């Protein structure tokens, strides 16, 4: 799993590449610290190259959402595959996030 973070004004752009499985979620948790620190901004999670997400990965998305709500930011998710969209839908997470 690779995470590429860039900033464009008040927006943090995060590209997730690979599989966000249980093993990768520990590293993802550490890698997303800059996002938590900037949770007052607009965060765009680009999942166009995300191949898989596990329940532990979903939990990290949820914790990031909680941080953005607390700090007045916002998360938008774009580029999810039909399979990943189905995971969000089945788990009830789809209604918690904004999707492009």
C-alpha atoms as a PDB file:
ATOM      1  CA  UNK A   1       0.000   0.000   0.000  1.00  0.00           C
ATOM      2  CA  UNK A   2       1.329   3.379  -0.999  1.00  0.00           C
ATOM      3  CA  UNK A   3      -0.024   6.717   0.154  1.00  0.00           C
ATOM      4  CA  UNK A   4       0.836   9.904  -1.748  1.00  0.00           C
ATOM      5  CA  UNK A   5      -0.138  13.157  -0.026  1.00  0.00           C
ATOM      6  CA  UNK A   6      -0.051  16.575  -1.659  1.00  0.00           C
ATOM      7  CA  UNK A   7      -1.590  19.922  -0.806  1.00  0.00           C
ATOM      8  CA  UNK A   8      -3.358  22.369  -3.084  1.00  0.00           C
ATOM      9  CA  UNK A   9      -4.368  25.457  -1.113  1.00  0.00           C
ATOM     10  CA  UNK A  10      -6.889  24.380   1.523  1.00  0.00           C
ATOM     11  CA  UNK A  11      -7.169  20.871   0.092  1.00  0.00           C
ATOM     12  CA  UNK A  12      -5.159  17.799   1.032  1.00  0.00           C
ATOM     13  CA  UNK A  13      -5.099  15.307  -1.834  1.00  0.00           C
ATOM     14  CA  UNK A  14      -4.378  11.716  -0.886  1.00  0.00           C
ATOM     15  CA  UNK A  15      -3.825   8.998  -3.468  1.00  0.00           C
ATOM     16  CA  UNK A  16      -4.177   5.451  -2.156  1.00  0.00           C
ATOM     17  CA  UNK A  17      -2.407   2.837  -4.265  1.00  0.00           C
ATOM     18  CA  UNK A  18      -2.625  -0.908  -3.722  1.00  0.00           C
ATOM     19  CA  UNK A  19      -4.393  -2.947  -1.068  1.00  0.00           C
ATOM     20  CA  UNK A  20      -5.505  -1.515   2.258  1.00  0.00           C
ATOM     21  CA  UNK A  21      -5.640  -4.839   4.059  1.00  0.00           C
ATOM     22  CA  UNK A  22      -5.037  -5.565   7.732  1.00  0.00           C
ATOM     23  CA  UNK A  23      -1.245  -5.687   7.335  1.00  0.00           C
ATOM     24  CA  UNK A  24      -1.134  -2.389   5.421  1.00  0.00           C
ATOM     25  CA  UNK A  25      -3.530  -0.637   7.787  1.00  0.00           C
ATOM     26  CA  UNK A  26      -0.861  -0.300  10.497  1.00  0.00           C
ATOM     27  CA  UNK A  27       1.394   1.608   8.108  1.00  0.00           C
ATOM     28  CA  UNK A  28      -1.560   3.571   6.727  1.00  0.00           C
ATOM     29  CA  UNK A  29      -2.441   4.620  10.276  1.00  0.00           C
ATOM     30  CA  UNK A  30       1.041   6.101  10.714  1.00  0.00           C
ATOM     31  CA  UNK A  31       1.079   7.613   7.210  1.00  0.00           C
ATOM     32  CA  UNK A  32      -2.236   9.407   7.738  1.00  0.00           C
ATOM     33  CA  UNK A  33      -0.971  11.478  10.691  1.00  0.00           C
ATOM     34  CA  UNK A  34      -0.482  14.542   8.434  1.00  0.00           C
ATOM     35  CA  UNK A  35      -4.150  14.210   7.467  1.00  0.00           C
ATOM     36  CA  UNK A  36      -5.280  14.136  11.083  1.00  0.00           C
ATOM     37  CA  UNK A  37      -3.073  17.174  11.758  1.00  0.00           C
ATOM     38  CA  UNK A  38      -4.766  18.956   8.826  1.00  0.00           C
ATOM     39  CA  UNK A  39      -8.290  17.673   9.467  1.00  0.00           C
ATOM     40  CA  UNK A  40      -9.578  21.250   9.377  1.00  0.00           C
ATOM     41  CA  UNK A  41      -8.992  21.255   5.602  1.00  0.00           C
ATOM     42  CA  UNK A  42     -10.788  19.650   2.698  1.00  0.00           C
ATOM     43  CA  UNK A  43      -9.408  16.118   2.279  1.00  0.00           C
ATOM     44  CA  UNK A  44      -9.793  14.344  -1.049  1.00  0.00           C
ATOM     45  CA  UNK A  45      -9.142  10.603  -0.920  1.00  0.00           C
ATOM     46  CA  UNK A  46      -8.368   9.413  -4.447  1.00  0.00           C
ATOM     47  CA  UNK A  47      -9.128   5.701  -4.446  1.00  0.00           C
ATOM     48  CA  UNK A  48      -8.844   5.185  -8.209  1.00  0.00           C
ATOM     49  CA  UNK A  49      -5.854   2.880  -7.646  1.00  0.00           C
ATOM     50  CA  UNK A  50      -7.086   1.274  -4.427  1.00  0.00           C
ATOM     51  CA  UNK A  51      -7.593  -2.413  -5.152  1.00  0.00           C
ATOM     52  CA  UNK A  52      -8.968  -3.673  -1.832  1.00  0.00           C
ATOM     53  CA  UNK A  53     -10.073  -2.366   1.556  1.00  0.00           C
ATOM     54  CA  UNK A  54     -10.461  -4.472   4.702  1.00  0.00           C
ATOM     55  CA  UNK A  55     -12.510  -3.754   7.799  1.00  0.00           C
ATOM     56  CA  UNK A  56      -9.421  -2.315   9.484  1.00  0.00           C
ATOM     57  CA  UNK A  57      -8.988   0.030   6.518  1.00  0.00           C
ATOM     58  CA  UNK A  58     -12.616   1.117   6.821  1.00  0.00           C
ATOM     59  CA  UNK A  59     -12.036   1.778  10.513  1.00  0.00           C
ATOM     60  CA  UNK A  60      -9.167   4.136   9.618  1.00  0.00           C
ATOM     61  CA  UNK A  61     -11.386   5.994   7.133  1.00  0.00           C
ATOM     62  CA  UNK A  62     -13.930   6.357   9.940  1.00  0.00           C
ATOM     63  CA  UNK A  63     -11.360   7.685  12.414  1.00  0.00           C
ATOM     64  CA  UNK A  64     -10.197  10.228   9.831  1.00  0.00           C
ATOM     65  CA  UNK A  65     -13.829  11.260   9.295  1.00  0.00           C
ATOM     66  CA  UNK A  66     -14.218  11.725  13.053  1.00  0.00           C
ATOM     67  CA  UNK A  67     -11.124  13.961  13.161  1.00  0.00           C
ATOM     68  CA  UNK A  68     -12.374  16.106  10.266  1.00  0.00           C
ATOM     69  CA  UNK A  69     -15.778  16.558  11.880  1.00  0.00           C
ATOM     70  CA  UNK A  70     -14.130  17.614  15.145  1.00  0.00           C
ATOM     71  CA  UNK A  71     -11.906  20.154  13.375  1.00  0.00           C
ATOM     72  CA  UNK A  72     -14.455  21.422  10.852  1.00  0.00           C
ATOM     73  CA  UNK A  73     -12.953  19.801   7.759  1.00  0.00           C
ATOM     74  CA  UNK A  74     -14.499  17.597   5.130  1.00  0.00           C
ATOM     75  CA  UNK A  75     -13.647  14.340   3.349  1.00  0.00           C
ATOM     76  CA  UNK A  76     -14.550  13.492  -0.212  1.00  0.00           C
ATOM     77  CA  UNK A  77     -13.759  10.110  -1.730  1.00  0.00           C
ATOM     78  CA  UNK A  78     -13.337   9.745  -5.480  1.00  0.00           C
ATOM     79  CA  UNK A  79     -12.528   7.039  -7.958  1.00  0.00           C
ATOM     80  CA  UNK A  80     -13.768   4.011  -6.045  1.00  0.00           C
ATOM     81  CA  UNK A  81     -14.189   0.806  -8.009  1.00  0.00           C
ATOM     82  CA  UNK A  82     -17.592  -0.908  -8.024  1.00  0.00           C
ATOM     83  CA  UNK A  83     -16.207  -3.584  -5.671  1.00  0.00           C
ATOM     84  CA  UNK A  84     -14.988  -1.060  -3.097  1.00  0.00           C
ATOM     85  CA  UNK A  85     -18.196   0.948  -3.432  1.00  0.00           C
ATOM     86  CA  UNK A  86     -20.074  -2.261  -2.627  1.00  0.00           C
ATOM     87  CA  UNK A  87     -17.989  -2.734   0.551  1.00  0.00           C
ATOM     88  CA  UNK A  88     -18.861   0.822   1.646  1.00  0.00           C
ATOM     89  CA  UNK A  89     -22.532   0.198   0.852  1.00  0.00           C
ATOM     90  CA  UNK A  90     -22.810  -3.182   2.607  1.00  0.00           C
ATOM     91  CA  UNK A  91     -21.124  -1.883   5.757  1.00  0.00           C
ATOM     92  CA  UNK A  92     -23.282   1.256   5.857  1.00  0.00           C
ATOM     93  CA  UNK A  93     -20.244   3.515   5.418  1.00  0.00           C
ATOM     94  CA  UNK A  94     -21.425   4.835   2.054  1.00  0.00           C
ATOM     95  CA  UNK A  95     -23.857   7.236   3.708  1.00  0.00           C
ATOM     96  CA  UNK A  96     -21.124   8.595   6.001  1.00  0.00           C
ATOM     97  CA  UNK A  97     -18.912   9.985   3.229  1.00  0.00           C
ATOM     98  CA  UNK A  98     -19.261  12.188   0.177  1.00  0.00           C
ATOM     99  CA  UNK A  99     -18.332  10.447  -3.083  1.00  0.00           C
ATOM    100  CA  UNK A 100     -17.413  11.843  -6.486  1.00  0.00           C
END
